[in-house]
C-alpha atoms as a PDB file:
ATOM      1  CA  ARG A   1      83.893  25.628  21.269  1.00  0.00           C
ATOM      2  CA  MET A   2      87.617  26.126  21.119  1.00  0.00           C
ATOM      3  CA  GLY A   3      89.731  25.998  18.084  1.00  0.00           C
ATOM      4  CA  THR A   4      93.535  26.202  17.440  1.00  0.00           C
ATOM      5  CA  LEU A   5      95.459  27.004  14.136  1.00  0.00           C
ATOM      6  CA  GLY A   6      99.020  26.396  13.377  1.00  0.00           C
ATOM      7  CA  PRO A   7     101.644  26.368  13.758  1.00  0.00           C
ATOM      8  CA  ASN A   8     101.965  28.390  10.623  1.00  0.00           C
ATOM      9  CA  LEU A   9     105.201  29.779   9.020  1.00  0.00           C
ATOM     10  CA  PRO A  10     105.595  32.694   7.645  1.00  0.00           C
ATOM     11  CA  LEU A  11     105.599  33.791   3.712  1.00  0.00           C
ATOM     12  CA  THR A  12     107.197  37.297   4.296  1.00  0.00           C
ATOM     13  CA  LEU A  13     110.372  38.034   6.431  1.00  0.00           C
ATOM     14  CA  VAL A  14     112.202  41.312   5.983  1.00  0.00           C
ATOM     15  CA  SER A  15     115.009  43.024   8.559  1.00  0.00           C
ATOM     16  CA  ASP A  16     113.249  45.707  10.094  1.00  0.00           C
ATOM     17  CA  SER A  17     115.041  48.694  11.170  1.00  0.00           C
ATOM     18  CA  THR A  18     112.605  50.044  13.522  1.00  0.00           C
ATOM     19  CA  LEU A  19     114.869  48.961  16.736  1.00  0.00           C
ATOM     20  CA  GLY A  20     118.578  48.192  16.573  1.00  0.00           C
ATOM     21  CA  THR A  21     121.199  48.882  14.228  1.00  0.00           C
ATOM     22  CA  VAL A  22     122.733  45.187  12.883  1.00  0.00           C
ATOM     23  CA  PRO A  23     120.503  44.238   9.668  1.00  0.00           C
ATOM     24  CA  ILE A  24     119.196  40.637   9.752  1.00  0.00           C
ATOM     25  CA  THR A  25     120.660  38.824   6.823  1.00  0.00           C
ATOM     26  CA  ASN A  26     119.183  36.593   4.519  1.00  0.00           C
ATOM     27  CA  ALA A  27     115.676  37.326   6.762  1.00  0.00           C
ATOM     28  CA  VAL A  28     113.876  34.733   4.361  1.00  0.00           C
ATOM     29  CA  ASN A  29     115.761  31.744   5.826  1.00  0.00           C
ATOM     30  CA  ALA A  30     113.460  31.617   8.632  1.00  0.00           C
ATOM     31  CA  ALA A  31     110.594  30.480   6.727  1.00  0.00           C
ATOM     32  CA  LEU A  32     111.319  26.917   7.677  1.00  0.00           C
ATOM     33  CA  SER A  33     113.250  24.719  10.350  1.00  0.00           C
ATOM     34  CA  ASP A  34     115.633  23.455   7.887  1.00  0.00           C
ATOM     35  CA  ASN A  35     119.024  24.302   9.593  1.00  0.00           C
ATOM     36  CA  VAL A  36     119.343  27.359   7.005  1.00  0.00           C
ATOM     37  CA  TYR A  37     119.276  30.805   8.959  1.00  0.00           C
ATOM     38  CA  ALA A  38     118.521  34.169   9.280  1.00  0.00           C
ATOM     39  CA  THR A  39     121.463  35.871  10.887  1.00  0.00           C
ATOM     40  CA  ALA A  40     123.115  38.804  12.678  1.00  0.00           C
ATOM     41  CA  ILE A  41     126.769  39.342  13.161  1.00  0.00           C
ATOM     42  CA  LEU A  42     126.802  41.383  16.638  1.00  0.00           C
ATOM     43  CA  ALA A  43     129.693  43.207  18.186  1.00  0.00           C
ATOM     44  CA  LEU A  44     129.199  43.448  22.228  1.00  0.00           C
ATOM     45  CA  SER A  45     126.558  45.250  23.259  1.00  0.00           C
ATOM     46  CA  ALA A  46     125.169  45.569  19.696  1.00  0.00           C
ATOM     47  CA  VAL A  47     121.405  45.280  18.907  1.00  0.00           C
ATOM     48  CA  SER A  48     120.297  43.786  15.942  1.00  0.00           C
ATOM     49  CA  ASN A  49     117.423  45.185  13.872  1.00  0.00           C
ATOM     50  CA  TYR A  50     113.891  43.114  13.900  1.00  0.00           C
ATOM     51  CA  LEU A  51     113.311  39.884  12.433  1.00  0.00           C
ATOM     52  CA  LYS A  52     109.594  40.927  11.059  1.00  0.00           C
ATOM     53  CA  ALA A  53     107.649  37.852  10.186  1.00  0.00           C
ATOM     54  CA  SER A  54     104.113  38.018   8.504  1.00  0.00           C
ATOM     55  CA  ASN A  55     101.833  36.681   6.128  1.00  0.00           C
ATOM     56  CA  PHE A  56     100.793  33.357   8.084  1.00  0.00           C
ATOM     57  CA  GLN A  57      98.008  32.463   6.112  1.00  0.00           C
ATOM     58  CA  PHE A  58      95.537  31.924   8.809  1.00  0.00           C
ATOM     59  CA  ALA A  59      91.623  31.558   8.076  1.00  0.00           C
ATOM     60  CA  ILE A  60      90.139  31.923  11.906  1.00  0.00           C
ATOM     61  CA  PRO A  61      86.134  32.538  11.234  1.00  0.00           C
ATOM     62  CA  LEU A  62      85.176  35.771  11.286  1.00  0.00           C
ATOM     63  CA  ASN A  63      82.613  35.238  13.956  1.00  0.00           C
ATOM     64  CA  ALA A  64      85.290  33.677  16.126  1.00  0.00           C
ATOM     65  CA  THR A  65      86.907  35.221  19.485  1.00  0.00           C
ATOM     66  CA  VAL A  66      90.679  35.655  19.728  1.00  0.00           C
ATOM     67  CA  ALA A  67      91.793  33.951  22.643  1.00  0.00           C
ATOM     68  CA  GLY A  68      95.432  33.797  22.709  1.00  0.00           C
ATOM     69  CA  VAL A  69      98.453  34.130  20.333  1.00  0.00           C
ATOM     70  CA  THR A  70     101.480  31.805  20.574  1.00  0.00           C
ATOM     71  CA  VAL A  71     104.740  32.617  19.016  1.00  0.00           C
ATOM     72  CA  SER A  72     107.665  29.602  18.559  1.00  0.00           C
ATOM     73  CA  VAL A  73     111.429  30.814  17.610  1.00  0.00           C
ATOM     74  CA  GLU A  74     113.814  28.036  16.679  1.00  0.00           C
ATOM     75  CA  ARG A  75     116.948  30.254  17.413  1.00  0.00           C
ATOM     76  CA  LYS A  76     120.724  29.416  18.212  1.00  0.00           C
ATOM     77  CA  SER A  77     123.804  31.984  19.072  1.00  0.00           C
ATOM     78  CA  ASP A  78     127.549  30.960  18.192  1.00  0.00           C
ATOM     79  CA  THR A  79     128.590  32.071  21.457  1.00  0.00           C
ATOM     80  CA  ILE A  80     127.723  30.613  24.912  1.00  0.00           C
ATOM     81  CA  SER A  81     125.780  33.227  26.734  1.00  0.00           C
ATOM     82  CA  GLY A  82     126.293  36.003  23.757  1.00  0.00           C
ATOM     83  CA  THR A  83     122.717  36.669  22.739  1.00  0.00           C
ATOM     84  CA  VAL A  84     119.631  37.361  24.716  1.00  0.00           C
ATOM     85  CA  ASP A  85     116.380  38.373  23.175  1.00  0.00           C
ATOM     86  CA  SER A  86     116.114  42.184  22.934  1.00  0.00           C
ATOM     87  CA  SER A  87     112.346  42.400  21.932  1.00  0.00           C
ATOM     88  CA  VAL A  88     109.605  40.203  20.866  1.00  0.00           C
ATOM     89  CA  ARG A  89     106.225  42.043  19.634  1.00  0.00           C
ATOM     90  CA  LEU A  90     103.321  41.009  17.835  1.00  0.00           C
ATOM     91  CA  VAL A  91     102.807  42.736  14.409  1.00  0.00           C
ATOM     92  CA  LYS A  92      99.428  44.287  14.050  1.00  0.00           C
ATOM     93  CA  ALA A  93      98.218  45.747  10.630  1.00  0.00           C
ATOM     94  CA  GLY A  94     101.958  46.151   9.488  1.00  0.00           C
ATOM     95  CA  VAL A  95     102.982  47.851  13.107  1.00  0.00           C
ATOM     96  CA  ILE A  96     104.972  46.412  15.622  1.00  0.00           C
ATOM     97  CA  SER A  97     102.992  46.654  18.932  1.00  0.00           C
ATOM     98  CA  GLY A  98     101.665  45.172  21.895  1.00  0.00           C
ATOM     99  CA  ASN A  99     103.617  43.679  25.099  1.00  0.00           C
ATOM    100  CA  ASP A 100     107.133  43.088  25.168  1.00  0.00           C
ATOM    101  CA  LYS A 101     107.497  39.349  25.680  1.00  0.00           C
ATOM    102  CA  ALA A 102     111.581  39.070  25.592  1.00  0.00           C
ATOM    103  CA  SER A 103     112.845  37.022  27.880  1.00  0.00           C
ATOM    104  CA  GLY A 104     116.362  37.305  29.987  1.00  0.00           C
ATOM    105  CA  SER A 105     117.568  34.096  29.125  1.00  0.00           C
ATOM    106  CA  THR A 106     120.460  33.300  26.716  1.00  0.00           C
ATOM    107  CA  TRP A 107     120.407  31.402  23.266  1.00  0.00           C
ATOM    108  CA  PRO A 108     121.595  28.253  23.307  1.00  0.00           C
ATOM    109  CA  THR A 109     124.652  27.345  21.088  1.00  0.00           C
ATOM    110  CA  SER A 110     122.663  24.714  19.120  1.00  0.00           C
ATOM    111  CA  ASP A 111     118.911  24.902  17.730  1.00  0.00           C
ATOM    112  CA  GLY A 112     116.179  25.422  20.595  1.00  0.00           C
ATOM    113  CA  THR A 113     112.791  26.627  20.466  1.00  0.00           C
ATOM    114  CA  VAL A 114     111.503  29.023  22.863  1.00  0.00           C
ATOM    115  CA  SER A 115     107.852  30.045  22.888  1.00  0.00           C
ATOM    116  CA  TYR A 116     106.502  33.527  23.792  1.00  0.00           C
ATOM    117  CA  GLY A 117     102.293  34.003  24.546  1.00  0.00           C
ATOM    118  CA  SER A 118     100.131  31.481  25.394  1.00  0.00           C
ATOM    119  CA  ALA A 119      96.305  29.920  24.278  1.00  0.00           C
ATOM    120  CA  THR A 120      95.336  32.791  26.563  1.00  0.00           C
ATOM    121  CA  ASP A 121      97.485  35.723  25.867  1.00  0.00           C
ATOM    122  CA  LEU A 122      96.386  38.523  23.627  1.00  0.00           C
ATOM    123  CA  TRP A 123     100.093  40.623  24.265  1.00  0.00           C
ATOM    124  CA  GLY A 124      97.958  43.359  25.511  1.00  0.00           C
ATOM    125  CA  LEU A 125      96.246  43.783  22.127  1.00  0.00           C
ATOM    126  CA  THR A 126      92.668  43.683  20.861  1.00  0.00           C
ATOM    127  CA  LEU A 127      93.150  41.162  18.230  1.00  0.00           C
ATOM    128  CA  THR A 128      89.842  40.414  15.673  1.00  0.00           C
ATOM    129  CA  PRO A 129      89.788  37.484  13.264  1.00  0.00           C
ATOM    130  CA  ALA A 130      90.519  39.993  10.593  1.00  0.00           C
ATOM    131  CA  ASP A 131      93.650  41.173  12.149  1.00  0.00           C
ATOM    132  CA  ILE A 132      94.892  37.716  12.406  1.00  0.00           C
ATOM    133  CA  ASN A 133      93.788  36.368   8.988  1.00  0.00           C
ATOM    134  CA  ALA A 134      95.447  39.693   7.398  1.00  0.00           C
ATOM    135  CA  SER A 135      99.384  39.583   5.313  1.00  0.00           C
ATOM    136  CA  THR A 136      99.960  42.296   7.857  1.00  0.00           C
ATOM    137  CA  PHE A 137      99.741  40.090  10.942  1.00  0.00           C
ATOM    138  CA  GLY A 138     102.764  38.732  12.525  1.00  0.00           C
ATOM    139  CA  VAL A 139     105.562  38.914  15.080  1.00  0.00           C
ATOM    140  CA  ALA A 140     108.776  40.862  15.125  1.00  0.00           C
ATOM    141  CA  ILE A 141     112.034  39.794  17.438  1.00  0.00           C
ATOM    142  CA  ASN A 142     115.525  40.756  17.559  1.00  0.00           C
ATOM    143  CA  ALA A 143     118.533  40.365  19.915  1.00  0.00           C
ATOM    144  CA  SER A 144     120.900  41.764  21.787  1.00  0.00           C
ATOM    145  CA  ALA A 145     124.690  41.042  22.070  1.00  0.00           C
ATOM    146  CA  THR A 146     126.228  40.135  25.870  1.00  0.00           C
ATOM    147  CA  LEU A 147     129.170  39.016  24.056  1.00  0.00           C
ATOM    148  CA  ALA A 148     130.136  39.133  20.619  1.00  0.00           C
ATOM    149  CA  SER A 149     128.315  36.844  18.575  1.00  0.00           C
ATOM    150  CA  THR A 150     126.285  35.505  15.272  1.00  0.00           C
ATOM    151  CA  MET A 151     122.365  35.285  16.357  1.00  0.00           C
ATOM    152  CA  SER A 152     120.521  32.869  14.075  1.00  0.00           C
ATOM    153  CA  ILE A 153     117.097  32.145  13.444  1.00  0.00           C
ATOM    154  CA  ASP A 154     115.966  29.229  11.663  1.00  0.00           C
ATOM    155  CA  ALA A 155     112.217  29.371  12.034  1.00  0.00           C
ATOM    156  CA  ILE A 156     109.306  31.223  13.425  1.00  0.00           C
ATOM    157  CA  THR A 157     105.826  30.060  13.755  1.00  0.00           C
ATOM    158  CA  ILE A 158     102.404  31.257  15.232  1.00  0.00           C
ATOM    159  CA  THR A 159      99.407  29.160  16.635  1.00  0.00           C
ATOM    160  CA  ILE A 160      96.291  31.016  17.283  1.00  0.00           C
ATOM    161  CA  ASP A 161      93.556  29.486  19.741  1.00  0.00           C
ATOM    162  CA  TYR A 162      90.131  31.073  19.727  1.00  0.00           C
ATOM    163  CA  THR A 163      86.588  30.468  20.809  1.00  0.00           C
ATOM    164  CA  GLY A 164      83.901  29.873  18.415  1.00  0.00           C
ATOM    165  CA  ILE A 165      79.839  30.536  18.716  1.00  0.00           C
ATOM    166  CA  ASN A 166      77.710  27.591  18.974  1.00  0.00           C
ATOM    167  CA  ARG A 167      73.878  26.959  17.966  1.00  0.00           C
ATOM    168  CA  ILE A 168      72.387  25.609  20.808  1.00  0.00           C
ATOM    169  CA  ASN A 169      68.359  25.064  21.171  1.00  0.00           C
ATOM    170  CA  GLY A 170      67.945  27.320  18.678  1.00  0.00           C
ATOM    171  CA  TYR A 171      70.197  30.221  20.011  1.00  0.00           C
ATOM    172  CA  TRP A 172      73.307  31.306  18.858  1.00  0.00           C
ATOM    173  CA  MET A 173      75.609  31.370  22.062  1.00  0.00           C
ATOM    174  CA  GLN A 174      79.125  32.828  22.258  1.00  0.00           C
ATOM    175  CA  GLY A 175      82.128  31.552  24.367  1.00  0.00           C
ATOM    176  CA  PHE A 176      81.418  27.950  25.157  1.00  0.00           C
ATOM    177  CA  SER A 177      83.899  25.796  24.982  1.00  0.00           C
END
């Protein structure tokens, strides 16, 4: 049996200086799609800190197998072709890790949503339901400026796809969908 949970919004948003030099202002504003933004004002070639979002309140059944993670980010730049992804990575047990899903495309000048990962993408990580359900699971995204610009993030969501365990003819079978 396949299951999907989400898209869930984060309860915790912070500016994380693991990467980049420009802090994210009002990080908590990326908690809802409401046209109130987490921002960073970037000079030419500057790189923002990570906007680290976690505590997505998932409740994946503990006997399930995590199949994929899809992250959606609603974002914009105030300058045409001024802002690009620098890094987009998952946060597992509070640590920014896994494959970097940053794309080379520029951010739009009005709100646009881009998705990273998929229903079958684990971002190069081993992810258990306990990892996903933890308040320390999430995503970190930052941007760099190809022209002086203000990067703005309105909302971040995560959707989790998983396979369950089904009972067939008295036996527990894993992996059936």
